[in-house]
C-alpha atoms as a PDB file:
ATOM      1  CA  UNK A   1     151.593-176.978 136.904  1.00  0.00           C
ATOM      2  CA  UNK A   2     149.149-176.492 134.040  1.00  0.00           C
ATOM      3  CA  UNK A   3     145.396-176.367 134.405  1.00  0.00           C
ATOM      4  CA  UNK A   4     143.292-179.199 133.028  1.00  0.00           C
ATOM      5  CA  UNK A   5     140.411-178.509 130.675  1.00  0.00           C
ATOM      6  CA  UNK A   6     137.903-179.377 133.401  1.00  0.00           C
ATOM      7  CA  UNK A   7     139.548-176.973 135.818  1.00  0.00           C
ATOM      8  CA  UNK A   8     139.527-174.173 133.278  1.00  0.00           C
ATOM      9  CA  UNK A   9     135.871-174.866 132.468  1.00  0.00           C
ATOM     10  CA  UNK A  10     134.978-174.899 136.156  1.00  0.00           C
ATOM     11  CA  UNK A  11     136.816-171.634 136.796  1.00  0.00           C
ATOM     12  CA  UNK A  12     135.096-169.974 133.846  1.00  0.00           C
ATOM     13  CA  UNK A  13     131.703-171.197 135.043  1.00  0.00           C
ATOM     14  CA  UNK A  14     132.421-169.810 138.510  1.00  0.00           C
ATOM     15  CA  UNK A  15     133.382-166.424 137.094  1.00  0.00           C
ATOM     16  CA  UNK A  16     130.214-166.322 134.987  1.00  0.00           C
ATOM     17  CA  UNK A  17     128.103-167.158 138.014  1.00  0.00           C
ATOM     18  CA  UNK A  18     129.855-164.489 140.046  1.00  0.00           C
ATOM     19  CA  UNK A  19     129.260-161.976 137.248  1.00  0.00           C
ATOM     20  CA  UNK A  20     125.583-162.915 137.139  1.00  0.00           C
ATOM     21  CA  UNK A  21     125.368-162.729 140.911  1.00  0.00           C
ATOM     22  CA  UNK A  22     126.897-159.272 140.957  1.00  0.00           C
ATOM     23  CA  UNK A  23     124.568-158.127 138.157  1.00  0.00           C
ATOM     24  CA  UNK A  24     121.619-159.351 140.170  1.00  0.00           C
ATOM     25  CA  UNK A  25     122.679-157.219 143.117  1.00  0.00           C
ATOM     26  CA  UNK A  26     123.026-159.969 145.698  1.00  0.00           C
ATOM     27  CA  UNK A  27     123.374-158.413 149.131  1.00  0.00           C
ATOM     28  CA  UNK A  28     124.318-160.429 152.195  1.00  0.00           C
ATOM     29  CA  UNK A  29     123.782-158.900 155.627  1.00  0.00           C
ATOM     30  CA  UNK A  30     125.374-161.362 158.033  1.00  0.00           C
ATOM     31  CA  UNK A  31     127.343-160.301 161.073  1.00  0.00           C
ATOM     32  CA  UNK A  32     127.403-163.925 162.276  1.00  0.00           C
ATOM     33  CA  UNK A  33     129.347-165.146 159.199  1.00  0.00           C
ATOM     34  CA  UNK A  34     126.863-167.979 158.828  1.00  0.00           C
ATOM     35  CA  UNK A  35     126.406-167.563 155.064  1.00  0.00           C
ATOM     36  CA  UNK A  36     129.339-168.581 152.853  1.00  0.00           C
ATOM     37  CA  UNK A  37     129.039-166.150 149.916  1.00  0.00           C
ATOM     38  CA  UNK A  38     131.294-168.182 147.592  1.00  0.00           C
ATOM     39  CA  UNK A  39     129.380-171.390 148.313  1.00  0.00           C
ATOM     40  CA  UNK A  40     126.108-169.573 147.693  1.00  0.00           C
ATOM     41  CA  UNK A  41     127.287-168.363 144.280  1.00  0.00           C
ATOM     42  CA  UNK A  42     128.332-171.903 143.363  1.00  0.00           C
ATOM     43  CA  UNK A  43     124.937-173.272 144.369  1.00  0.00           C
ATOM     44  CA  UNK A  44     123.224-170.594 142.306  1.00  0.00           C
ATOM     45  CA  UNK A  45     124.575-172.150 139.097  1.00  0.00           C
ATOM     46  CA  UNK A  46     121.337-174.144 138.913  1.00  0.00           C
ATOM     47  CA  UNK A  47     119.228-170.963 138.585  1.00  0.00           C
ATOM     48  CA  UNK A  48     118.412-169.405 135.193  1.00  0.00           C
ATOM     49  CA  UNK A  49     120.828-166.653 134.222  1.00  0.00           C
ATOM     50  CA  UNK A  50     117.983-164.231 133.418  1.00  0.00           C
ATOM     51  CA  UNK A  51     116.597-164.653 136.929  1.00  0.00           C
ATOM     52  CA  UNK A  52     119.966-163.755 138.429  1.00  0.00           C
ATOM     53  CA  UNK A  53     120.437-160.688 136.251  1.00  0.00           C
ATOM     54  CA  UNK A  54     116.951-159.190 136.443  1.00  0.00           C
ATOM     55  CA  UNK A  55     116.227-159.568 140.149  1.00  0.00           C
ATOM     56  CA  UNK A  56     117.788-158.194 143.321  1.00  0.00           C
ATOM     57  CA  UNK A  57     118.600-160.725 146.021  1.00  0.00           C
ATOM     58  CA  UNK A  58     119.016-159.986 149.708  1.00  0.00           C
ATOM     59  CA  UNK A  59     120.040-162.440 152.403  1.00  0.00           C
ATOM     60  CA  UNK A  60     120.007-161.351 156.025  1.00  0.00           C
ATOM     61  CA  UNK A  61     120.821-163.283 159.166  1.00  0.00           C
ATOM     62  CA  UNK A  62     119.533-162.596 162.659  1.00  0.00           C
ATOM     63  CA  UNK A  63     121.072-164.451 165.599  1.00  0.00           C
ATOM     64  CA  UNK A  64     118.886-165.575 168.492  1.00  0.00           C
ATOM     65  CA  UNK A  65     121.022-167.559 170.948  1.00  0.00           C
ATOM     66  CA  UNK A  66     122.289-170.580 168.981  1.00  0.00           C
ATOM     67  CA  UNK A  67     119.663-170.189 166.235  1.00  0.00           C
ATOM     68  CA  UNK A  68     120.158-168.214 163.034  1.00  0.00           C
ATOM     69  CA  UNK A  69     117.086-166.795 161.281  1.00  0.00           C
ATOM     70  CA  UNK A  70     117.929-166.842 157.565  1.00  0.00           C
ATOM     71  CA  UNK A  71     115.800-164.412 155.551  1.00  0.00           C
ATOM     72  CA  UNK A  72     115.708-164.427 151.749  1.00  0.00           C
ATOM     73  CA  UNK A  73     114.095-161.525 149.881  1.00  0.00           C
ATOM     74  CA  UNK A  74     113.896-161.429 146.064  1.00  0.00           C
ATOM     75  CA  UNK A  75     112.845-158.114 144.537  1.00  0.00           C
ATOM     76  CA  UNK A  76     112.493-156.250 141.289  1.00  0.00           C
ATOM     77  CA  UNK A  77     113.099-152.586 142.083  1.00  0.00           C
ATOM     78  CA  UNK A  78     110.668-151.894 144.963  1.00  0.00           C
ATOM     79  CA  UNK A  79     108.392-154.887 144.301  1.00  0.00           C
ATOM     80  CA  UNK A  80     108.806-157.931 146.521  1.00  0.00           C
ATOM     81  CA  UNK A  81     108.456-161.130 144.474  1.00  0.00           C
ATOM     82  CA  UNK A  82     109.465-163.637 147.137  1.00  0.00           C
ATOM     83  CA  UNK A  83     110.197-163.694 150.869  1.00  0.00           C
ATOM     84  CA  UNK A  84     111.175-166.701 152.943  1.00  0.00           C
ATOM     85  CA  UNK A  85     112.528-167.131 156.458  1.00  0.00           C
ATOM     86  CA  UNK A  86     113.996-170.325 157.881  1.00  0.00           C
ATOM     87  CA  UNK A  87     115.746-171.036 161.201  1.00  0.00           C
ATOM     88  CA  UNK A  88     118.952-173.055 161.367  1.00  0.00           C
ATOM     89  CA  UNK A  89     121.232-173.906 164.255  1.00  0.00           C
ATOM     90  CA  UNK A  90     124.662-172.318 164.341  1.00  0.00           C
ATOM     91  CA  UNK A  91     126.349-175.660 163.673  1.00  0.00           C
ATOM     92  CA  UNK A  92     124.311-176.133 160.472  1.00  0.00           C
ATOM     93  CA  UNK A  93     125.398-172.919 158.746  1.00  0.00           C
ATOM     94  CA  UNK A  94     127.174-174.968 156.084  1.00  0.00           C
ATOM     95  CA  UNK A  95     123.776-176.057 154.718  1.00  0.00           C
ATOM     96  CA  UNK A  96     122.502-172.480 154.290  1.00  0.00           C
ATOM     97  CA  UNK A  97     123.615-171.935 150.626  1.00  0.00           C
ATOM     98  CA  UNK A  98     121.759-175.060 149.480  1.00  0.00           C
ATOM     99  CA  UNK A  99     118.740-174.125 151.592  1.00  0.00           C
ATOM    100  CA  UNK A 100     118.601-170.664 150.004  1.00  0.00           C
ATOM    101  CA  UNK A 101     118.831-172.053 146.468  1.00  0.00           C
ATOM    102  CA  UNK A 102     116.057-174.575 147.197  1.00  0.00           C
ATOM    103  CA  UNK A 103     113.908-171.689 148.397  1.00  0.00           C
ATOM    104  CA  UNK A 104     114.726-169.780 145.214  1.00  0.00           C
ATOM    105  CA  UNK A 105     113.719-172.802 143.136  1.00  0.00           C
ATOM    106  CA  UNK A 106     110.352-172.760 144.876  1.00  0.00           C
ATOM    107  CA  UNK A 107     110.091-169.083 143.986  1.00  0.00           C
ATOM    108  CA  UNK A 108     110.606-169.909 140.299  1.00  0.00           C
ATOM    109  CA  UNK A 109     107.198-171.609 140.315  1.00  0.00           C
ATOM    110  CA  UNK A 110     105.404-168.335 141.085  1.00  0.00           C
ATOM    111  CA  UNK A 111     107.567-165.814 139.228  1.00  0.00           C
ATOM    112  CA  UNK A 112     105.870-164.090 136.258  1.00  0.00           C
ATOM    113  CA  UNK A 113     107.065-164.917 132.746  1.00  0.00           C
ATOM    114  CA  UNK A 114     108.879-161.615 132.204  1.00  0.00           C
ATOM    115  CA  UNK A 115     111.441-162.630 134.847  1.00  0.00           C
ATOM    116  CA  UNK A 116     112.629-165.573 132.740  1.00  0.00           C
ATOM    117  CA  UNK A 117     112.695-163.440 129.601  1.00  0.00           C
ATOM    118  CA  UNK A 118     115.073-160.981 131.261  1.00  0.00           C
ATOM    119  CA  UNK A 119     112.724-158.042 130.768  1.00  0.00           C
ATOM    120  CA  UNK A 120     110.543-155.787 132.886  1.00  0.00           C
ATOM    121  CA  UNK A 121     107.006-156.339 134.152  1.00  0.00           C
ATOM    122  CA  UNK A 122     104.171-155.411 131.819  1.00  0.00           C
ATOM    123  CA  UNK A 123     101.850-152.973 133.607  1.00  0.00           C
ATOM    124  CA  UNK A 124      98.721-154.815 134.695  1.00  0.00           C
ATOM    125  CA  UNK A 125      95.395-153.550 135.877  1.00  0.00           C
ATOM    126  CA  UNK A 126      92.820-154.690 138.381  1.00  0.00           C
ATOM    127  CA  UNK A 127      89.126-154.111 137.754  1.00  0.00           C
ATOM    128  CA  UNK A 128      86.499-154.748 140.376  1.00  0.00           C
ATOM    129  CA  UNK A 129      82.869-154.425 141.370  1.00  0.00           C
ATOM    130  CA  UNK A 130      81.785-154.732 144.975  1.00  0.00           C
ATOM    131  CA  UNK A 131      79.098-154.265 147.584  1.00  0.00           C
ATOM    132  CA  UNK A 132      79.407-153.178 151.231  1.00  0.00           C
ATOM    133  CA  UNK A 133      77.226-152.354 154.234  1.00  0.00           C
ATOM    134  CA  UNK A 134      77.917-150.693 157.550  1.00  0.00           C
ATOM    135  CA  UNK A 135      76.831-148.334 160.324  1.00  0.00           C
ATOM    136  CA  UNK A 136      77.142-144.539 160.314  1.00  0.00           C
ATOM    137  CA  UNK A 137      77.888-141.957 162.968  1.00  0.00           C
ATOM    138  CA  UNK A 138      75.472-139.056 162.639  1.00  0.00           C
ATOM    139  CA  UNK A 139      71.925-138.416 161.531  1.00  0.00           C
ATOM    140  CA  UNK A 140      71.286-141.501 159.383  1.00  0.00           C
ATOM    141  CA  UNK A 141      71.333-145.037 160.725  1.00  0.00           C
ATOM    142  CA  UNK A 142      73.278-147.098 158.209  1.00  0.00           C
ATOM    143  CA  UNK A 143      74.484-147.459 154.640  1.00  0.00           C
ATOM    144  CA  UNK A 144      74.765-149.799 151.706  1.00  0.00           C
ATOM    145  CA  UNK A 145      77.114-149.056 148.816  1.00  0.00           C
ATOM    146  CA  UNK A 146      78.120-150.351 145.389  1.00  0.00           C
ATOM    147  CA  UNK A 147      81.520-149.613 143.914  1.00  0.00           C
ATOM    148  CA  UNK A 148      83.360-150.242 140.653  1.00  0.00           C
ATOM    149  CA  UNK A 149      87.035-149.457 140.216  1.00  0.00           C
ATOM    150  CA  UNK A 150      90.086-149.644 137.992  1.00  0.00           C
ATOM    151  CA  UNK A 151      93.680-149.547 139.202  1.00  0.00           C
ATOM    152  CA  UNK A 152      97.198-150.753 138.567  1.00  0.00           C
ATOM    153  CA  UNK A 153      98.163-154.074 140.132  1.00  0.00           C
ATOM    154  CA  UNK A 154     101.793-154.692 139.162  1.00  0.00           C
ATOM    155  CA  UNK A 155     103.536-152.348 141.585  1.00  0.00           C
ATOM    156  CA  UNK A 156     103.914-151.956 145.316  1.00  0.00           C
ATOM    157  CA  UNK A 157     102.161-148.563 145.068  1.00  0.00           C
ATOM    158  CA  UNK A 158      98.912-148.966 143.138  1.00  0.00           C
ATOM    159  CA  UNK A 159      96.875-145.855 142.271  1.00  0.00           C
ATOM    160  CA  UNK A 160      93.245-146.404 141.356  1.00  0.00           C
ATOM    161  CA  UNK A 161      89.996-144.649 140.467  1.00  0.00           C
ATOM    162  CA  UNK A 162      86.483-145.734 141.365  1.00  0.00           C
ATOM    163  CA  UNK A 163      82.807-144.946 141.073  1.00  0.00           C
ATOM    164  CA  UNK A 164      80.882-145.349 144.317  1.00  0.00           C
ATOM    165  CA  UNK A 165      77.136-145.049 144.883  1.00  0.00           C
ATOM    166  CA  UNK A 166      75.111-145.745 147.980  1.00  0.00           C
ATOM    167  CA  UNK A 167      72.094-145.201 150.174  1.00  0.00           C
ATOM    168  CA  UNK A 168      72.004-144.049 153.795  1.00  0.00           C
ATOM    169  CA  UNK A 169      68.955-143.771 155.980  1.00  0.00           C
ATOM    170  CA  UNK A 170      66.290-143.299 156.874  1.00  0.00           C
ATOM    171  CA  UNK A 171      66.538-140.611 159.512  1.00  0.00           C
ATOM    172  CA  UNK A 172      63.559-139.609 161.597  1.00  0.00           C
ATOM    173  CA  UNK A 173      63.438-135.798 161.945  1.00  0.00           C
ATOM    174  CA  UNK A 174      62.312-134.927 165.472  1.00  0.00           C
ATOM    175  CA  UNK A 175      60.727-138.364 165.777  1.00  0.00           C
ATOM    176  CA  UNK A 176      58.411-137.699 162.849  1.00  0.00           C
ATOM    177  CA  UNK A 177      59.130-137.167 159.143  1.00  0.00           C
ATOM    178  CA  UNK A 178      61.662-139.420 157.460  1.00  0.00           C
ATOM    179  CA  UNK A 179      64.658-138.314 155.452  1.00  0.00           C
ATOM    180  CA  UNK A 180      66.492-140.564 152.966  1.00  0.00           C
ATOM    181  CA  UNK A 181      69.866-140.007 151.360  1.00  0.00           C
ATOM    182  CA  UNK A 182      71.406-141.448 148.225  1.00  0.00           C
ATOM    183  CA  UNK A 183      74.810-140.400 146.984  1.00  0.00           C
ATOM    184  CA  UNK A 184      77.381-140.917 144.268  1.00  0.00           C
ATOM    185  CA  UNK A 185      81.092-140.121 144.174  1.00  0.00           C
ATOM    186  CA  UNK A 186      84.151-140.425 141.975  1.00  0.00           C
ATOM    187  CA  UNK A 187      86.999-141.583 144.142  1.00  0.00           C
ATOM    188  CA  UNK A 188      90.755-141.691 143.716  1.00  0.00           C
ATOM    189  CA  UNK A 189      93.077-143.574 145.989  1.00  0.00           C
ATOM    190  CA  UNK A 190      96.341-145.370 146.516  1.00  0.00           C
ATOM    191  CA  UNK A 191      96.800-148.986 147.482  1.00  0.00           C
ATOM    192  CA  UNK A 192      99.986-150.405 148.983  1.00  0.00           C
ATOM    193  CA  UNK A 193     100.807-154.063 148.373  1.00  0.00           C
ATOM    194  CA  UNK A 194     101.867-154.973 151.898  1.00  0.00           C
ATOM    195  CA  UNK A 195     101.980-158.577 150.641  1.00  0.00           C
ATOM    196  CA  UNK A 196     100.489-160.623 147.825  1.00  0.00           C
ATOM    197  CA  UNK A 197      97.184-160.822 149.711  1.00  0.00           C
ATOM    198  CA  UNK A 198      96.979-157.715 151.925  1.00  0.00           C
ATOM    199  CA  UNK A 199      96.192-154.296 150.394  1.00  0.00           C
ATOM    200  CA  UNK A 200      95.783-151.267 152.678  1.00  0.00           C
ATOM    201  CA  UNK A 201      94.547-148.130 150.914  1.00  0.00           C
ATOM    202  CA  UNK A 202      93.671-144.459 151.406  1.00  0.00           C
ATOM    203  CA  UNK A 203      91.169-142.515 149.292  1.00  0.00           C
ATOM    204  CA  UNK A 204      89.221-139.301 148.757  1.00  0.00           C
ATOM    205  CA  UNK A 205      85.687-139.324 147.319  1.00  0.00           C
ATOM    206  CA  UNK A 206      84.151-136.038 146.118  1.00  0.00           C
ATOM    207  CA  UNK A 207      80.574-136.310 144.899  1.00  0.00           C
ATOM    208  CA  UNK A 208      76.949-135.325 145.361  1.00  0.00           C
ATOM    209  CA  UNK A 209      74.208-136.313 147.801  1.00  0.00           C
ATOM    210  CA  UNK A 210      70.475-136.383 147.057  1.00  0.00           C
ATOM    211  CA  UNK A 211      68.003-136.172 149.930  1.00  0.00           C
ATOM    212  CA  UNK A 212      64.270-136.783 149.795  1.00  0.00           C
ATOM    213  CA  UNK A 213      61.333-137.654 152.022  1.00  0.00           C
ATOM    214  CA  UNK A 214      58.762-135.923 154.189  1.00  0.00           C
ATOM    215  CA  UNK A 215      61.326-134.313 156.470  1.00  0.00           C
ATOM    216  CA  UNK A 216      62.012-131.194 154.402  1.00  0.00           C
ATOM    217  CA  UNK A 217      60.398-127.804 154.205  1.00  0.00           C
ATOM    218  CA  UNK A 218      57.536-128.178 151.692  1.00  0.00           C
ATOM    219  CA  UNK A 219      58.566-131.837 151.316  1.00  0.00           C
ATOM    220  CA  UNK A 220      61.296-130.867 148.873  1.00  0.00           C
ATOM    221  CA  UNK A 221      64.296-132.848 147.772  1.00  0.00           C
ATOM    222  CA  UNK A 222      67.599-131.548 146.544  1.00  0.00           C
ATOM    223  CA  UNK A 223      71.184-132.180 145.581  1.00  0.00           C
ATOM    224  CA  UNK A 224      74.165-130.977 147.568  1.00  0.00           C
ATOM    225  CA  UNK A 225      77.947-131.532 147.359  1.00  0.00           C
ATOM    226  CA  UNK A 226      79.694-134.014 149.602  1.00  0.00           C
ATOM    227  CA  UNK A 227      83.276-135.164 150.043  1.00  0.00           C
ATOM    228  CA  UNK A 228      84.809-137.848 152.245  1.00  0.00           C
ATOM    229  CA  UNK A 229      88.263-139.239 152.974  1.00  0.00           C
ATOM    230  CA  UNK A 230      89.005-142.642 154.380  1.00  0.00           C
ATOM    231  CA  UNK A 231      91.060-145.794 154.566  1.00  0.00           C
ATOM    232  CA  UNK A 232      90.343-149.424 153.907  1.00  0.00           C
ATOM    233  CA  UNK A 233      92.052-152.783 154.135  1.00  0.00           C
ATOM    234  CA  UNK A 234      91.615-155.450 151.487  1.00  0.00           C
ATOM    235  CA  UNK A 235      92.395-159.152 151.789  1.00  0.00           C
ATOM    236  CA  UNK A 236      92.502-161.542 148.831  1.00  0.00           C
ATOM    237  CA  UNK A 237      91.769-165.061 150.123  1.00  0.00           C
ATOM    238  CA  UNK A 238      91.668-166.483 146.600  1.00  0.00           C
ATOM    239  CA  UNK A 239      92.022-165.429 142.979  1.00  0.00           C
ATOM    240  CA  UNK A 240      89.268-163.060 141.874  1.00  0.00           C
ATOM    241  CA  UNK A 241      87.845-162.368 145.334  1.00  0.00           C
ATOM    242  CA  UNK A 242      88.594-159.575 147.799  1.00  0.00           C
ATOM    243  CA  UNK A 243      87.174-159.000 151.270  1.00  0.00           C
ATOM    244  CA  UNK A 244      87.518-155.436 152.513  1.00  0.00           C
ATOM    245  CA  UNK A 245      86.636-153.175 155.431  1.00  0.00           C
ATOM    246  CA  UNK A 246      87.267-149.541 156.203  1.00  0.00           C
ATOM    247  CA  UNK A 247      85.927-146.202 157.282  1.00  0.00           C
ATOM    248  CA  UNK A 248      85.540-142.635 156.093  1.00  0.00           C
ATOM    249  CA  UNK A 249      84.827-139.195 157.529  1.00  0.00           C
ATOM    250  CA  UNK A 250      83.028-136.287 155.898  1.00  0.00           C
ATOM    251  CA  UNK A 251      85.012-133.250 154.790  1.00  0.00           C
ATOM    252  CA  UNK A 252      81.928-131.614 153.214  1.00  0.00           C
ATOM    253  CA  UNK A 253      78.511-132.459 154.654  1.00  0.00           C
ATOM    254  CA  UNK A 254      75.279-131.835 152.729  1.00  0.00           C
ATOM    255  CA  UNK A 255      72.807-129.614 154.641  1.00  0.00           C
ATOM    256  CA  UNK A 256      69.098-128.951 154.071  1.00  0.00           C
ATOM    257  CA  UNK A 257      66.268-127.027 155.689  1.00  0.00           C
ATOM    258  CA  UNK A 258      64.373-129.517 157.816  1.00  0.00           C
ATOM    259  CA  UNK A 259      60.879-129.394 159.257  1.00  0.00           C
ATOM    260  CA  UNK A 260      60.840-127.975 162.793  1.00  0.00           C
ATOM    261  CA  UNK A 261      64.444-126.778 162.714  1.00  0.00           C
ATOM    262  CA  UNK A 262      64.196-123.729 164.998  1.00  0.00           C
ATOM    263  CA  UNK A 263      65.448-121.151 165.623  1.00  0.00           C
ATOM    264  CA  UNK A 264      66.106-119.835 162.130  1.00  0.00           C
ATOM    265  CA  UNK A 265      69.869-119.830 162.644  1.00  0.00           C
ATOM    266  CA  UNK A 266      69.727-123.621 163.024  1.00  0.00           C
ATOM    267  CA  UNK A 267      67.532-124.224 159.994  1.00  0.00           C
ATOM    268  CA  UNK A 268      70.409-125.701 157.983  1.00  0.00           C
ATOM    269  CA  UNK A 269      70.304-129.204 159.408  1.00  0.00           C
ATOM    270  CA  UNK A 270      73.041-131.645 158.347  1.00  0.00           C
ATOM    271  CA  UNK A 271      71.887-135.009 157.035  1.00  0.00           C
ATOM    272  CA  UNK A 272      75.290-136.219 155.882  1.00  0.00           C
ATOM    273  CA  UNK A 273      76.850-138.779 158.262  1.00  0.00           C
ATOM    274  CA  UNK A 274      79.839-137.532 160.213  1.00  0.00           C
ATOM    275  CA  UNK A 275      81.634-140.844 159.746  1.00  0.00           C
ATOM    276  CA  UNK A 276      80.864-144.278 158.379  1.00  0.00           C
ATOM    277  CA  UNK A 277      82.212-147.801 158.644  1.00  0.00           C
ATOM    278  CA  UNK A 278      81.800-150.426 155.958  1.00  0.00           C
ATOM    279  CA  UNK A 279      82.692-154.002 155.108  1.00  0.00           C
ATOM    280  CA  UNK A 280      82.033-155.984 151.970  1.00  0.00           C
ATOM    281  CA  UNK A 281      83.211-158.151 149.122  1.00  0.00           C
ATOM    282  CA  UNK A 282      84.591-157.405 145.646  1.00  0.00           C
ATOM    283  CA  UNK A 283      84.935-159.498 142.518  1.00  0.00           C
ATOM    284  CA  UNK A 284      88.270-158.713 140.870  1.00  0.00           C
ATOM    285  CA  UNK A 285      89.534-159.232 137.329  1.00  0.00           C
ATOM    286  CA  UNK A 286      92.997-158.523 135.994  1.00  0.00           C
ATOM    287  CA  UNK A 287      94.472-157.638 132.618  1.00  0.00           C
ATOM    288  CA  UNK A 288      97.535-156.251 130.856  1.00  0.00           C
ATOM    289  CA  UNK A 289      97.935-152.725 129.539  1.00  0.00           C
ATOM    290  CA  UNK A 290      98.589-152.809 125.796  1.00  0.00           C
ATOM    291  CA  UNK A 291     100.049-149.794 124.029  1.00  0.00           C
ATOM    292  CA  UNK A 292      97.955-150.522 120.929  1.00  0.00           C
ATOM    293  CA  UNK A 293      94.714-151.924 122.218  1.00  0.00           C
ATOM    294  CA  UNK A 294      94.210-150.597 125.714  1.00  0.00           C
ATOM    295  CA  UNK A 295      93.468-153.000 128.562  1.00  0.00           C
ATOM    296  CA  UNK A 296      93.298-156.718 127.877  1.00  0.00           C
ATOM    297  CA  UNK A 297      92.372-159.609 130.102  1.00  0.00           C
ATOM    298  CA  UNK A 298      89.487-161.079 132.012  1.00  0.00           C
END
């Protein structure tokens, strides 16, 4: 029996879809046999070919009694572009391929343009300026800080650099003279995109501290090295705004000769906080890295 033209066309379309699906790296982890792989590939005909070829697709199924948790994860290398989880009953497994494709169609609305062009993501940067306040553990009573930073924003791991300046104090030396501290640091750190909105980070901030006030020998001021390490957690509730909180501890603490610091062996009195907590807000802008003109964007 010969094949009709429609049958041949349909078979060719199926093979093309299967080829695209294999190129995309579709992985199905389903011990319950709830997901029909062939039916899923047929349903995926409605998706752009570039999307299938560029991205990696993973479907996993977790059984809880008579309910199947269907999880769809769409990635490009290590970057998660879309995640969705939906429960279905065991008797409704036949609807899973259509459900997954509908979820993927929702994802198309938020995918960046390079996905549809079949390319790779253009490196993008994040630039920010922020302010934070918080308490300190140690000689001074509190802190306020300003920070400005630049980092990559198109990867799961996002290195960054920042300039941080702040004020801590005052501290009363032996209930009398006051000591103030201002400081500046150049920090480097690494952010991890736990999700589109949550950004935990770790950093190190070497810098200098300047102390002044009436609490020093001969009322002198001076500059000493300082260095801290810490972590912070950022949350982006909306475009262009980040709320963050964190803490740091001192690796190198600035020390000065203070009035009344006796005996002589104890004359080097530390004014650098042992540890600090902070919380604040940042205003964030983003741009693309251009090979010819540097960073572009707003």
